[in-house]
Amino acid sequence: MSQRYDAIIIGGGHNGLICAAYLARAGRKVLVLESRYLVGGAAVTEEINPGFKYTVASYVVSLLRPQIIADLNLPAYGFELLPLNGTLTPMVNGDHLMRWHDAGETRLELMRHSPADAEAYEHFAMLMYHLAMAVRPMLSTTPVDPTSLSPAALKQLADVGRQFGKKADYLYDLAKLMTMSSGDFVEQWFETPALQGTLAASGIIGTFLGPRSPGSAYVMLHHYMGEIDGEFRAWGLPRGGMGAVSEAIASSARAFGAEIRCDAPVRQVIVQGNQAVGVALVDGEEIYAGTVVSSVDPKLTFEHLIEAEHLPDEFRKHIARYKIRGSSGKVNLSIDALPEFTCLQHLSESDQIAYLSGAMSISPNIEYLERAFDDAKYGNYSRRPYMDMVIPSLIDPAMAPPGKHVVSLFCAFAPYDLAEGTWEDHREGFGDAVIDALAQFAPNIKDIILHRQVLTPWDMEQQMGLTQGNIFHGELTLEQLFFLRPAPGYADFTTPLRHMYMCGSGCHPGGGVMGAPGKLAAARIIADTR
């Protein structure tokens, strides 16, 4: 028998590493088992082509909780965020919309398109701020079971109510956000198509929803809660790519005493009676621990790593119904010059670089997004996909050789289940569709590509263990949030097995490089095993 641990964590994604760091900080003997050759899960940096470093899947940071950064002293291990300038949206008429990081500059830009929108934008931003501030405490709290009558549960429910009770309208607006589509919600506020499209687009990221699908408005709020150094609604790129974030967390975990093993895929959770006692690796090795924690998604955990006979029928039915449809793809490019956007041609080279040093959203209007979703509904990848584009090497030159750049293109929609053929058949066709769509706004893009990497949902499942390639470990829809994530009665990071817990994005409060599931799960485990 191998040496025994206090806790084994399955999966070395950022949540698993964070959970390991907190457990090790509390004096537990922790082992993290990662199937790949490097830690990070979907938050990795890889040099696919010599000199060009891709943030392969996940590509931006804003949701990572400040408390986690402080508790784990991540800056001491190389964690550094580089703020983006803003978001550029090319328009179909050759114009553009730029939402700068500076509120005053954004107001001037909006005035150019619609004085009414410039005025409404300030009120909209304030509403979203207050809604996010009301919801944000939930990101740091284990969801209360609404069926519980315990004093602690009732107090927590009362605390949540007080957050919204500060202004009754917030509760009404939150009800709209939880039930409306992102498209319908933003159309109540704005008239400029490019502004509508760009705001609505944040409601479809990582979900199998279009901008007209009810429930997509909440996803918009979820993304709205970004912060860098305490500055609300700020997004940034990590120096060194997303892998640098994961490596910083891993270094912190190791400094607290955690052990991390790569190239160690888990085949099965070992169950004795109704208790998880360890894991069996693919190579046959068995490792035992007082606690087993899964940071991989609920489908992979409960349908593949644990034999069905060990789980209650009702729980298995909930997991079977859990929606985890993959809908996103990723294209990474090496380029030998900067893209020349038609909408920026009237600007000087230095001014163009200022625009390109932010994000670029290919979302000219809501109709464009909905048509992209129409393709996916019937099992096809979008012929004109929505894209969220960044050029990391503009603000972190070490990501590419001098004079050259890397481009990250997050793309929707790419359904996991295709109507015809396989993703191996259609991978390059999807990549071509992405480049063709981008060329409508930056015509030189095809001439400057040196290399490209195309990741479909199937690739993300095969390479990173994301069931169906779902980047959030499950959709962020109302029936899969808060005390319902991943199943009723198990939003507190426990599972039907004794001494087994969950800590990944399939738990509350959901996806993104946030770290809250890892931190909250660790707190629960420490409390249970103290």
Protein backbone atom coordinates (compact mmCIF):
# COMPACT_ATOMS: atom_id res chain seq x y z
CA MET A 1 0.00 0.00 0.00
CA SER A 2 1.24 3.51 -0.85
CA GLN A 3 1.74 6.16 1.79
CA ARG A 4 -1.52 7.56 3.13
CA TYR A 5 -2.70 11.17 2.72
CA ASP A 6 -5.23 13.29 4.52
CA ALA A 7 -6.70 14.34 1.17
CA ILE A 8 -6.35 13.34 -2.47
CA ILE A 9 -7.53 15.85 -5.05
CA ILE A 10 -8.46 14.54 -8.49
CA GLY A 11 -7.49 17.06 -11.15
CA GLY A 12 -4.93 19.87 -11.13
CA GLY A 13 -7.09 22.63 -12.53
CA HIS A 14 -7.05 25.98 -10.76
CA ASN A 15 -9.86 25.05 -8.36
CA GLY A 16 -8.18 21.78 -7.41
CA LEU A 17 -4.89 23.57 -6.80
CA ILE A 18 -6.59 26.25 -4.70
CA CYS A 19 -8.37 23.63 -2.62
CA ALA A 20 -5.04 21.84 -2.13
CA ALA A 21 -3.30 25.05 -1.08
CA TYR A 22 -5.90 25.87 1.57
CA LEU A 23 -5.94 22.31 2.91
CA ALA A 24 -2.14 22.22 3.08
CA ARG A 25 -2.11 25.61 4.76
CA ALA A 26 -4.37 24.12 7.41
CA GLY A 27 -1.83 21.37 8.05
CA ARG A 28 -3.33 18.58 5.95
CA LYS A 29 -1.16 16.18 4.00
CA VAL A 30 -2.43 16.68 0.44
CA LEU A 31 -1.80 14.99 -2.91
CA VAL A 32 -3.01 16.44 -6.22
CA LEU A 33 -3.25 14.03 -9.15
CA GLU A 34 -3.23 15.59 -12.64
CA SER A 35 -3.62 13.48 -15.76
CA ARG A 36 -1.63 15.81 -18.06
CA TYR A 37 2.04 16.68 -18.07
CA LEU A 38 1.34 20.12 -16.61
CA VAL A 39 -1.06 21.61 -14.08
CA GLY A 40 -3.83 24.06 -14.84
CA GLY A 41 -6.59 22.11 -16.57
CA ALA A 42 -8.00 24.60 -19.06
CA ALA A 43 -5.84 27.42 -17.65
CA VAL A 44 -2.51 26.57 -19.27
CA THR A 45 0.17 28.19 -21.41
CA GLU A 46 1.81 26.00 -24.03
CA GLU A 47 4.49 26.75 -26.60
CA ILE A 48 2.85 24.86 -29.45
CA ASN A 49 5.18 26.43 -32.01
CA PRO A 50 8.74 27.57 -31.13
CA GLY A 51 8.71 31.04 -29.57
CA PHE A 52 4.91 31.40 -29.63
CA LYS A 53 3.17 30.86 -26.29
CA TYR A 54 -0.57 30.23 -26.47
CA THR A 55 -3.04 30.62 -23.65
CA VAL A 56 -4.59 27.51 -25.08
CA ALA A 57 -8.13 27.50 -23.69
CA SER A 58 -8.95 29.96 -20.89
CA TYR A 59 -7.37 33.31 -21.72
CA VAL A 60 -8.42 36.19 -19.40
CA VAL A 61 -8.63 36.74 -15.64
CA SER A 62 -10.95 38.95 -13.65
CA LEU A 63 -13.10 36.73 -11.48
CA LEU A 64 -10.26 35.32 -9.36
CA ARG A 65 -11.23 36.29 -5.82
CA PRO A 66 -8.95 38.94 -4.24
CA GLN A 67 -9.01 37.06 -0.93
CA ILE A 68 -7.52 34.01 -2.63
CA ILE A 69 -4.75 36.10 -4.19
CA ALA A 70 -3.92 37.48 -0.75
CA ASP A 71 -4.29 34.26 1.25
CA LEU A 72 -2.04 32.29 -1.10
CA ASN A 73 0.39 35.20 -1.64
CA LEU A 74 0.21 34.62 -5.39
CA PRO A 75 2.22 37.71 -6.44
CA ALA A 76 5.22 36.20 -4.64
CA TYR A 77 5.01 33.28 -7.07
CA GLY A 78 4.85 35.33 -10.26
CA PHE A 79 1.15 36.18 -10.47
CA GLU A 80 0.70 39.51 -12.26
CA LEU A 81 -2.27 40.88 -14.18
CA LEU A 82 -1.95 43.31 -17.07
CA PRO A 83 -5.17 45.31 -17.58
CA LEU A 84 -6.84 45.46 -20.97
CA ASN A 85 -7.54 48.91 -22.44
CA GLY A 86 -11.18 48.19 -23.17
CA THR A 87 -13.32 46.45 -25.80
CA LEU A 88 -13.40 47.26 -29.51
CA THR A 89 -16.45 46.23 -31.54
CA PRO A 90 -16.07 46.57 -35.34
CA MET A 91 -19.34 47.49 -37.02
CA VAL A 92 -20.70 46.22 -40.33
CA ASN A 93 -20.76 49.75 -41.79
CA GLY A 94 -17.00 50.18 -41.31
CA ASP A 95 -17.31 52.23 -38.13
CA HIS A 96 -16.48 50.98 -34.64
CA LEU A 97 -17.56 51.18 -31.02
CA MET A 98 -14.89 51.35 -28.32
CA ARG A 99 -15.69 50.97 -24.64
CA TRP A 100 -12.54 52.21 -22.96
CA HIS A 101 -11.39 51.30 -19.48
CA ASP A 102 -11.79 55.01 -18.68
CA ALA A 103 -15.46 55.92 -18.11
CA GLY A 104 -15.07 59.46 -19.46
CA GLU A 105 -13.58 58.27 -22.74
CA THR A 106 -16.32 55.67 -23.07
CA ARG A 107 -18.98 58.34 -22.60
CA LEU A 108 -17.45 60.44 -25.38
CA GLU A 109 -17.39 57.41 -27.67
CA LEU A 110 -21.01 56.57 -26.94
CA MET A 111 -22.04 60.19 -27.56
CA ARG A 112 -20.69 59.76 -31.08
CA HIS A 113 -23.22 56.97 -31.66
CA SER A 114 -26.15 57.93 -29.45
CA PRO A 115 -26.43 60.64 -26.78
CA ALA A 116 -29.30 58.65 -25.28
CA ASP A 117 -27.10 55.57 -24.96
CA ALA A 118 -24.29 57.61 -23.40
CA GLU A 119 -26.70 58.77 -20.72
CA ALA A 120 -28.27 55.34 -20.24
CA TYR A 121 -24.89 53.61 -20.02
CA GLU A 122 -24.02 55.31 -16.75
CA HIS A 123 -27.32 54.20 -15.19
CA PHE A 124 -26.93 50.70 -16.61
CA ALA A 125 -23.40 50.41 -15.22
CA MET A 126 -24.62 51.57 -11.81
CA LEU A 127 -27.47 49.04 -11.82
CA MET A 128 -25.15 46.18 -12.79
CA TYR A 129 -22.68 47.31 -10.13
CA HIS A 130 -25.32 47.20 -7.39
CA LEU A 131 -26.73 43.88 -8.59
CA ALA A 132 -23.26 42.38 -8.73
CA MET A 133 -22.43 43.76 -5.28
CA ALA A 134 -25.62 42.19 -3.95
CA VAL A 135 -24.87 38.82 -5.57
CA ARG A 136 -21.12 38.87 -4.98
CA PRO A 137 -21.26 37.86 -1.28
CA MET A 138 -22.80 34.59 -2.48
CA LEU A 139 -19.55 33.88 -4.31
CA SER A 140 -17.83 33.58 -0.94
CA THR A 141 -20.57 31.64 0.83
CA THR A 142 -21.70 28.05 0.65
CA PRO A 143 -25.32 28.04 -0.59
CA VAL A 144 -27.90 27.49 2.10
CA ASP A 145 -30.39 24.68 1.62
CA PRO A 146 -33.75 26.51 1.37
CA THR A 147 -35.51 23.45 2.84
CA SER A 148 -33.46 23.64 6.03
CA LEU A 149 -34.96 25.20 9.14
CA SER A 150 -31.70 25.28 11.09
CA PRO A 151 -30.87 28.62 12.76
CA ALA A 152 -27.68 28.94 10.68
CA ALA A 153 -29.57 28.40 7.41
CA LEU A 154 -32.31 30.85 8.32
CA LYS A 155 -29.73 33.47 9.30
CA GLN A 156 -27.92 33.05 5.98
CA LEU A 157 -31.18 33.42 4.05
CA ALA A 158 -31.93 36.57 6.04
CA ASP A 159 -28.47 37.96 5.22
CA VAL A 160 -29.06 37.40 1.51
CA GLY A 161 -32.43 39.10 1.79
CA ARG A 162 -30.85 42.11 3.49
CA GLN A 163 -28.45 42.55 0.58
CA PHE A 164 -31.39 43.08 -1.76
CA GLY A 165 -33.52 44.81 0.81
CA LYS A 166 -31.22 47.83 0.67
CA LYS A 167 -33.19 48.82 -2.40
CA ALA A 168 -36.31 46.95 -3.43
CA ASP A 169 -35.79 47.65 -7.13
CA TYR A 170 -32.66 45.48 -7.07
CA LEU A 171 -34.79 42.44 -6.35
CA TYR A 172 -37.06 43.24 -9.31
CA ASP A 173 -34.08 43.79 -11.61
CA LEU A 174 -32.41 40.60 -10.42
CA ALA A 175 -35.61 38.70 -11.21
CA LYS A 176 -35.41 40.10 -14.74
CA LEU A 177 -31.77 39.11 -15.07
CA MET A 178 -32.44 35.57 -13.88
CA THR A 179 -35.29 35.01 -16.33
CA MET A 180 -34.78 37.26 -19.37
CA SER A 181 -32.54 36.85 -22.38
CA SER A 182 -29.45 39.02 -22.55
CA GLY A 183 -30.67 40.46 -25.87
CA ASP A 184 -34.06 41.50 -24.51
CA PHE A 185 -32.47 42.92 -21.38
CA VAL A 186 -29.97 45.19 -23.13
CA GLU A 187 -32.55 46.30 -25.71
CA GLN A 188 -34.52 47.80 -22.83
CA TRP A 189 -31.56 50.12 -22.25
CA PHE A 190 -29.81 50.88 -25.54
CA GLU A 191 -30.43 51.57 -29.21
CA THR A 192 -26.95 51.25 -30.77
CA PRO A 193 -26.72 47.78 -32.40
CA ALA A 194 -23.01 47.32 -31.69
CA LEU A 195 -23.48 48.15 -28.01
CA GLN A 196 -26.47 45.82 -27.79
CA GLY A 197 -24.54 43.02 -29.48
CA THR A 198 -21.41 43.35 -27.37
CA LEU A 199 -23.25 43.48 -24.05
CA ALA A 200 -25.57 40.61 -25.02
CA ALA A 201 -22.58 38.51 -26.13
CA SER A 202 -21.33 38.18 -22.56
CA GLY A 203 -24.56 36.32 -21.82
CA ILE A 204 -23.82 33.48 -24.24
CA ILE A 205 -20.21 32.70 -23.30
CA GLY A 206 -19.83 29.08 -22.28
CA THR A 207 -23.53 28.26 -22.61
CA PHE A 208 -25.70 26.57 -25.21
CA LEU A 209 -27.88 29.67 -25.30
CA GLY A 210 -28.40 32.40 -27.85
CA PRO A 211 -28.91 36.08 -27.04
CA ARG A 212 -32.69 35.53 -27.31
CA SER A 213 -32.67 32.53 -24.95
CA PRO A 214 -34.27 33.16 -21.54
CA GLY A 215 -31.74 32.95 -18.72
CA SER A 216 -28.78 34.25 -20.71
CA ALA A 217 -29.03 37.63 -18.94
CA TYR A 218 -27.73 36.11 -15.69
CA VAL A 219 -24.60 34.85 -17.47
CA MET A 220 -24.01 38.48 -18.43
CA LEU A 221 -24.11 39.45 -14.74
CA HIS A 222 -21.78 36.55 -13.89
CA HIS A 223 -19.17 37.98 -16.26
CA TYR A 224 -19.82 41.49 -15.02
CA MET A 225 -18.34 40.72 -11.61
CA GLY A 226 -14.71 41.01 -12.70
CA GLU A 227 -12.18 42.90 -10.67
CA ILE A 228 -8.46 43.56 -10.70
CA ASP A 229 -6.82 44.89 -7.54
CA GLY A 230 -10.26 45.70 -6.19
CA GLU A 231 -11.32 47.71 -9.23
CA PHE A 232 -14.79 46.58 -10.21
CA ARG A 233 -15.48 45.34 -13.75
CA ALA A 234 -11.87 45.12 -14.92
CA TRP A 235 -10.45 42.36 -17.07
CA GLY A 236 -6.82 41.55 -17.64
CA LEU A 237 -4.31 39.18 -19.12
CA PRO A 238 -1.88 37.38 -16.82
CA ARG A 239 1.78 37.92 -17.57
CA GLY A 240 3.02 34.64 -19.00
CA GLY A 241 -0.46 33.53 -20.01
CA MET A 242 -3.02 31.56 -18.04
CA GLY A 243 -0.46 28.90 -17.25
CA ALA A 244 1.38 31.44 -15.09
CA VAL A 245 -1.75 31.75 -12.91
CA SER A 246 -1.96 27.98 -12.44
CA GLU A 247 1.78 27.70 -11.78
CA ALA A 248 1.59 30.46 -9.17
CA ILE A 249 -1.21 28.64 -7.36
CA ALA A 250 0.67 25.35 -7.62
CA SER A 251 3.85 26.96 -6.22
CA SER A 252 1.87 28.35 -3.30
CA ALA A 253 0.32 24.94 -2.64
CA ARG A 254 3.75 23.29 -2.69
CA ALA A 255 5.11 25.95 -0.31
CA PHE A 256 2.37 24.99 2.15
CA GLY A 257 3.39 21.34 1.80
CA ALA A 258 1.08 19.95 -0.89
CA GLU A 259 2.40 17.28 -3.25
CA ILE A 260 1.47 17.53 -6.93
CA ARG A 261 1.89 14.66 -9.38
CA CYS A 262 1.44 15.10 -13.13
CA ASP A 263 0.98 12.29 -15.68
CA ALA A 264 -1.13 10.56 -13.04
CA PRO A 265 -4.62 9.96 -14.48
CA VAL A 266 -7.20 8.57 -12.07
CA ARG A 267 -9.22 5.58 -13.25
CA GLN A 268 -11.57 5.10 -10.32
CA VAL A 269 -12.49 6.26 -6.83
CA ILE A 270 -12.08 3.39 -4.37
CA VAL A 271 -15.23 2.95 -2.30
CA GLN A 272 -15.62 0.78 0.78
CA GLY A 273 -19.10 0.60 2.22
CA ASN A 274 -20.48 4.09 1.64
CA GLN A 275 -17.12 5.81 2.04
CA ALA A 276 -14.47 7.02 -0.41
CA VAL A 277 -11.10 5.77 0.81
CA GLY A 278 -8.75 6.45 -2.09
CA VAL A 279 -8.21 6.28 -5.84
CA ALA A 280 -6.88 3.84 -8.39
CA LEU A 281 -4.70 5.22 -11.17
CA VAL A 282 -4.79 4.11 -14.77
CA ASP A 283 -1.46 2.31 -14.28
CA GLY A 284 -2.96 0.25 -11.45
CA GLU A 285 -1.45 2.10 -8.48
CA GLU A 286 -3.80 2.58 -5.53
CA ILE A 287 -3.46 5.56 -3.20
CA TYR A 288 -5.44 5.96 0.00
CA ALA A 289 -6.59 9.01 1.93
CA GLY A 290 -8.99 10.10 4.64
CA THR A 291 -10.72 12.40 2.14
CA VAL A 292 -11.14 12.30 -1.64
CA VAL A 293 -11.93 15.52 -3.51
CA SER A 294 -12.85 15.79 -7.19
CA SER A 295 -12.12 19.00 -9.06
CA VAL A 296 -13.27 17.55 -12.39
CA ASP A 297 -16.82 18.04 -13.60
CA PRO A 298 -19.84 16.25 -12.10
CA LYS A 299 -20.46 14.07 -15.17
CA LEU A 300 -16.88 12.79 -15.25
CA THR A 301 -16.85 12.29 -11.49
CA PHE A 302 -20.13 10.46 -10.97
CA GLU A 303 -20.62 8.70 -14.31
CA HIS A 304 -17.05 7.53 -14.94
CA LEU A 305 -14.92 7.58 -11.77
CA ILE A 306 -17.49 6.05 -9.37
CA GLU A 307 -19.38 2.84 -10.02
CA ALA A 308 -23.14 3.36 -10.25
CA GLU A 309 -23.87 0.89 -7.44
CA HIS A 310 -22.31 3.30 -4.93
CA LEU A 311 -24.64 6.21 -5.71
CA PRO A 312 -28.35 6.71 -4.89
CA ASP A 313 -30.68 6.37 -7.87
CA GLU A 314 -32.20 9.83 -7.42
CA PHE A 315 -28.76 11.46 -7.33
CA ARG A 316 -27.70 9.59 -10.47
CA LYS A 317 -30.83 10.87 -12.23
CA HIS A 318 -29.96 14.46 -11.30
CA ILE A 319 -26.44 14.04 -12.68
CA ALA A 320 -27.81 12.42 -15.86
CA ARG A 321 -30.04 15.47 -16.37
CA TYR A 322 -27.27 17.95 -15.56
CA LYS A 323 -26.76 20.13 -18.65
CA ILE A 324 -23.15 20.24 -19.73
CA ARG A 325 -23.45 20.78 -23.49
CA GLY A 326 -20.28 22.10 -25.05
CA SER A 327 -20.80 25.13 -27.28
CA SER A 328 -17.46 26.92 -27.61
CA GLY A 329 -14.30 26.56 -29.64
CA LYS A 330 -10.91 28.22 -29.52
CA VAL A 331 -8.54 29.26 -32.30
CA ASN A 332 -4.99 30.39 -31.46
CA LEU A 333 -2.83 32.06 -34.08
CA SER A 334 0.80 32.97 -34.60
CA ILE A 335 1.04 36.03 -36.85
CA ASP A 336 3.94 37.99 -38.32
CA ALA A 337 2.16 41.39 -38.33
CA LEU A 338 -0.78 43.01 -36.61
CA PRO A 339 -4.28 42.61 -38.03
CA GLU A 340 -5.49 45.67 -39.90
CA PHE A 341 -9.09 46.34 -38.97
CA THR A 342 -10.96 48.30 -41.61
CA CYS A 343 -12.65 50.37 -38.91
CA LEU A 344 -9.26 51.63 -37.65
CA GLN A 345 -7.55 52.45 -40.94
CA HIS A 346 -8.04 56.19 -40.47
CA LEU A 347 -5.98 56.11 -37.25
CA SER A 348 -2.22 56.35 -36.81
CA GLU A 349 -0.27 53.16 -36.11
CA SER A 350 0.22 54.07 -32.44
CA ASP A 351 -3.49 54.81 -32.01
CA GLN A 352 -4.39 51.51 -33.66
CA ILE A 353 -2.15 49.67 -31.20
CA ALA A 354 -3.99 51.36 -28.33
CA TYR A 355 -7.27 49.95 -29.65
CA LEU A 356 -5.77 46.50 -30.28
CA SER A 357 -4.36 46.37 -26.73
CA GLY A 358 -7.83 45.64 -25.43
CA ALA A 359 -10.31 42.95 -26.37
CA MET A 360 -12.00 42.83 -29.76
CA SER A 361 -15.58 41.58 -29.84
CA ILE A 362 -16.94 40.36 -33.15
CA SER A 363 -20.55 41.01 -32.19
CA PRO A 364 -21.82 43.82 -34.46
CA ASN A 365 -25.45 43.31 -33.43
CA ILE A 366 -27.78 40.88 -31.70
CA GLU A 367 -28.99 39.41 -35.00
CA TYR A 368 -25.40 38.38 -35.83
CA LEU A 369 -25.20 36.48 -32.54
CA GLU A 370 -28.59 34.85 -32.94
CA ARG A 371 -27.77 33.67 -36.47
CA ALA A 372 -24.56 32.14 -35.12
CA PHE A 373 -26.69 30.30 -32.56
CA ASP A 374 -29.15 29.18 -35.24
CA ASP A 375 -26.38 27.12 -36.85
CA ALA A 376 -25.58 25.42 -33.55
CA LYS A 377 -29.20 24.58 -32.71
CA TYR A 378 -29.24 22.21 -35.66
CA GLY A 379 -25.87 20.61 -35.02
CA ASN A 380 -23.60 22.80 -37.14
CA TYR A 381 -20.75 25.10 -36.19
CA SER A 382 -21.41 28.78 -36.78
CA ARG A 383 -20.46 29.96 -40.26
CA ARG A 384 -20.16 33.51 -38.91
CA PRO A 385 -19.25 32.92 -35.26
CA TYR A 386 -19.15 35.33 -32.39
CA MET A 387 -15.52 35.92 -31.37
CA ASP A 388 -13.83 37.41 -28.34
CA MET A 389 -10.32 38.25 -29.49
CA VAL A 390 -7.20 39.38 -27.65
CA ILE A 391 -3.57 39.83 -28.73
CA PRO A 392 -1.63 38.96 -25.54
CA SER A 393 1.78 39.74 -27.03
CA LEU A 394 0.87 43.44 -27.39
CA ILE A 395 0.93 43.87 -23.61
CA ASP A 396 3.18 40.90 -22.78
CA PRO A 397 5.87 40.81 -25.51
CA ALA A 398 7.47 37.64 -24.13
CA MET A 399 4.53 35.65 -25.53
CA ALA A 400 5.92 35.85 -29.08
CA PRO A 401 9.25 36.48 -30.89
CA PRO A 402 10.14 40.15 -31.58
CA GLY A 403 7.93 41.70 -34.23
CA LYS A 404 5.46 38.81 -34.18
CA HIS A 405 2.33 38.14 -32.15
CA VAL A 406 -0.08 35.56 -30.81
CA VAL A 407 -3.83 35.89 -31.13
CA SER A 408 -6.46 34.24 -28.95
CA LEU A 409 -9.92 33.77 -30.49
CA PHE A 410 -12.70 32.44 -28.25
CA CYS A 411 -15.51 31.40 -30.58
CA ALA A 412 -19.21 30.57 -30.38
CA PHE A 413 -20.88 28.48 -31.47
CA ALA A 414 -19.35 25.03 -31.81
CA PRO A 415 -21.76 22.33 -30.60
CA TYR A 416 -20.24 19.17 -29.18
CA ASP A 417 -22.80 16.99 -30.98
CA LEU A 418 -22.61 17.55 -34.73
CA ALA A 419 -25.49 16.70 -37.04
CA GLU A 420 -23.13 15.05 -39.51
CA GLY A 421 -19.61 13.70 -39.24
CA THR A 422 -17.16 14.10 -36.38
CA TRP A 423 -15.10 16.99 -35.07
CA GLU A 424 -12.01 15.29 -36.47
CA ASP A 425 -13.66 15.70 -39.88
CA HIS A 426 -14.77 19.30 -39.30
CA ARG A 427 -12.02 20.79 -37.10
CA GLU A 428 -10.22 22.60 -39.90
CA GLY A 429 -13.49 23.67 -41.52
CA PHE A 430 -14.45 25.34 -38.25
CA GLY A 431 -11.05 27.03 -38.13
CA ASP A 432 -11.58 28.28 -41.68
CA ALA A 433 -15.01 29.67 -40.75
CA VAL A 434 -13.48 31.59 -37.84
CA ILE A 435 -10.77 33.12 -40.03
CA ASP A 436 -13.25 33.94 -42.80
CA ALA A 437 -15.51 35.73 -40.30
CA LEU A 438 -12.60 37.70 -38.87
CA ALA A 439 -11.43 38.64 -42.38
CA GLN A 440 -14.70 40.51 -42.89
CA PHE A 441 -13.38 43.06 -40.38
CA ALA A 442 -9.58 42.59 -40.68
CA PRO A 443 -8.97 41.69 -44.35
CA ASN A 444 -5.22 41.05 -44.00
CA ILE A 445 -5.59 38.30 -41.40
CA LYS A 446 -5.22 35.41 -43.87
CA ASP A 447 -1.95 36.81 -45.20
CA ILE A 448 -0.20 37.11 -41.83
CA ILE A 449 -0.96 33.73 -40.23
CA LEU A 450 2.13 31.62 -39.52
CA HIS A 451 0.50 28.86 -37.45
CA ARG A 452 -2.91 28.09 -36.09
CA GLN A 453 -4.29 25.78 -33.43
CA VAL A 454 -7.98 24.86 -33.55
CA LEU A 455 -9.66 23.46 -30.43
CA THR A 456 -13.18 22.07 -30.70
CA PRO A 457 -15.32 20.93 -27.76
CA TRP A 458 -14.26 17.37 -28.57
CA ASP A 459 -10.59 18.38 -28.37
CA MET A 460 -11.14 20.06 -25.00
CA GLU A 461 -12.81 16.90 -23.74
CA GLN A 462 -10.00 14.67 -24.98
CA GLN A 463 -7.11 16.89 -23.91
CA MET A 464 -8.39 18.62 -20.78
CA GLY A 465 -11.05 16.30 -19.41
CA LEU A 466 -13.89 18.81 -19.91
CA THR A 467 -17.00 16.74 -20.53
CA GLN A 468 -18.39 17.81 -23.92
CA GLY A 469 -15.87 20.65 -23.84
CA ASN A 470 -18.03 22.69 -21.47
CA ILE A 471 -15.74 25.38 -20.05
CA PHE A 472 -17.97 25.99 -17.00
CA HIS A 473 -18.35 22.30 -16.00
CA GLY A 474 -22.07 22.79 -16.63
CA GLU A 475 -24.30 25.56 -17.88
CA LEU A 476 -24.98 28.62 -15.73
CA THR A 477 -28.74 28.41 -16.08
CA LEU A 478 -31.18 29.11 -13.26
CA GLU A 479 -31.93 25.44 -12.58
CA GLN A 480 -28.18 24.79 -12.17
CA LEU A 481 -27.20 27.68 -9.90
CA PHE A 482 -26.81 28.34 -6.17
CA PHE A 483 -28.40 25.55 -4.06
CA LEU A 484 -29.13 23.49 -7.21
CA ARG A 485 -25.50 23.19 -8.40
CA PRO A 486 -24.71 20.42 -9.20
CA ALA A 487 -27.74 18.72 -7.61
CA PRO A 488 -30.29 19.53 -4.90
CA GLY A 489 -28.93 18.78 -1.46
CA TYR A 490 -25.30 18.74 -2.64
CA ALA A 491 -24.48 22.40 -3.20
CA ASP A 492 -22.40 22.34 -0.01
CA PHE A 493 -19.53 20.49 -1.78
CA THR A 494 -20.46 17.14 -0.25
CA THR A 495 -21.44 14.03 -2.23
CA PRO A 496 -23.54 10.94 -1.43
CA LEU A 497 -20.31 9.19 -0.38
CA ARG A 498 -18.85 9.88 3.03
CA HIS A 499 -15.46 11.60 2.99
CA MET A 500 -15.82 12.60 -0.65
CA TYR A 501 -16.24 16.18 -1.84
CA MET A 502 -16.43 18.27 -5.03
CA CYS A 503 -14.43 21.47 -5.61
CA GLY A 504 -14.62 22.25 -9.34
CA SER A 505 -16.59 24.72 -11.46
CA GLY A 506 -19.53 22.32 -11.48
CA CYS A 507 -20.07 23.46 -7.90
CA HIS A 508 -21.33 26.81 -6.62
CA PRO A 509 -20.73 29.55 -7.69
CA GLY A 510 -19.81 28.24 -11.15
CA GLY A 511 -17.27 28.71 -13.90
CA GLY A 512 -14.55 31.09 -14.88
CA VAL A 513 -11.09 31.42 -13.34
CA MET A 514 -12.63 32.38 -10.04
CA GLY A 515 -11.28 29.93 -7.51
CA ALA A 516 -14.29 30.26 -5.19
CA PRO A 517 -15.35 26.58 -5.49
CA GLY A 518 -11.87 25.46 -4.48
CA LYS A 519 -11.71 27.80 -1.51
CA LEU A 520 -15.24 27.07 -0.26
CA ALA A 521 -14.77 23.32 -0.61
CA ALA A 522 -11.55 23.47 1.39
CA ALA A 523 -13.34 25.38 4.16
CA ARG A 524 -16.06 22.72 4.28
CA ILE A 525 -13.53 19.88 4.39
CA ILE A 526 -11.51 21.57 7.14
CA ALA A 527 -14.67 22.13 9.19
CA ASP A 528 -15.79 18.50 8.73
CA THR A 529 -12.41 16.99 9.58
CA ARG A 530 -11.27 19.35 12.31
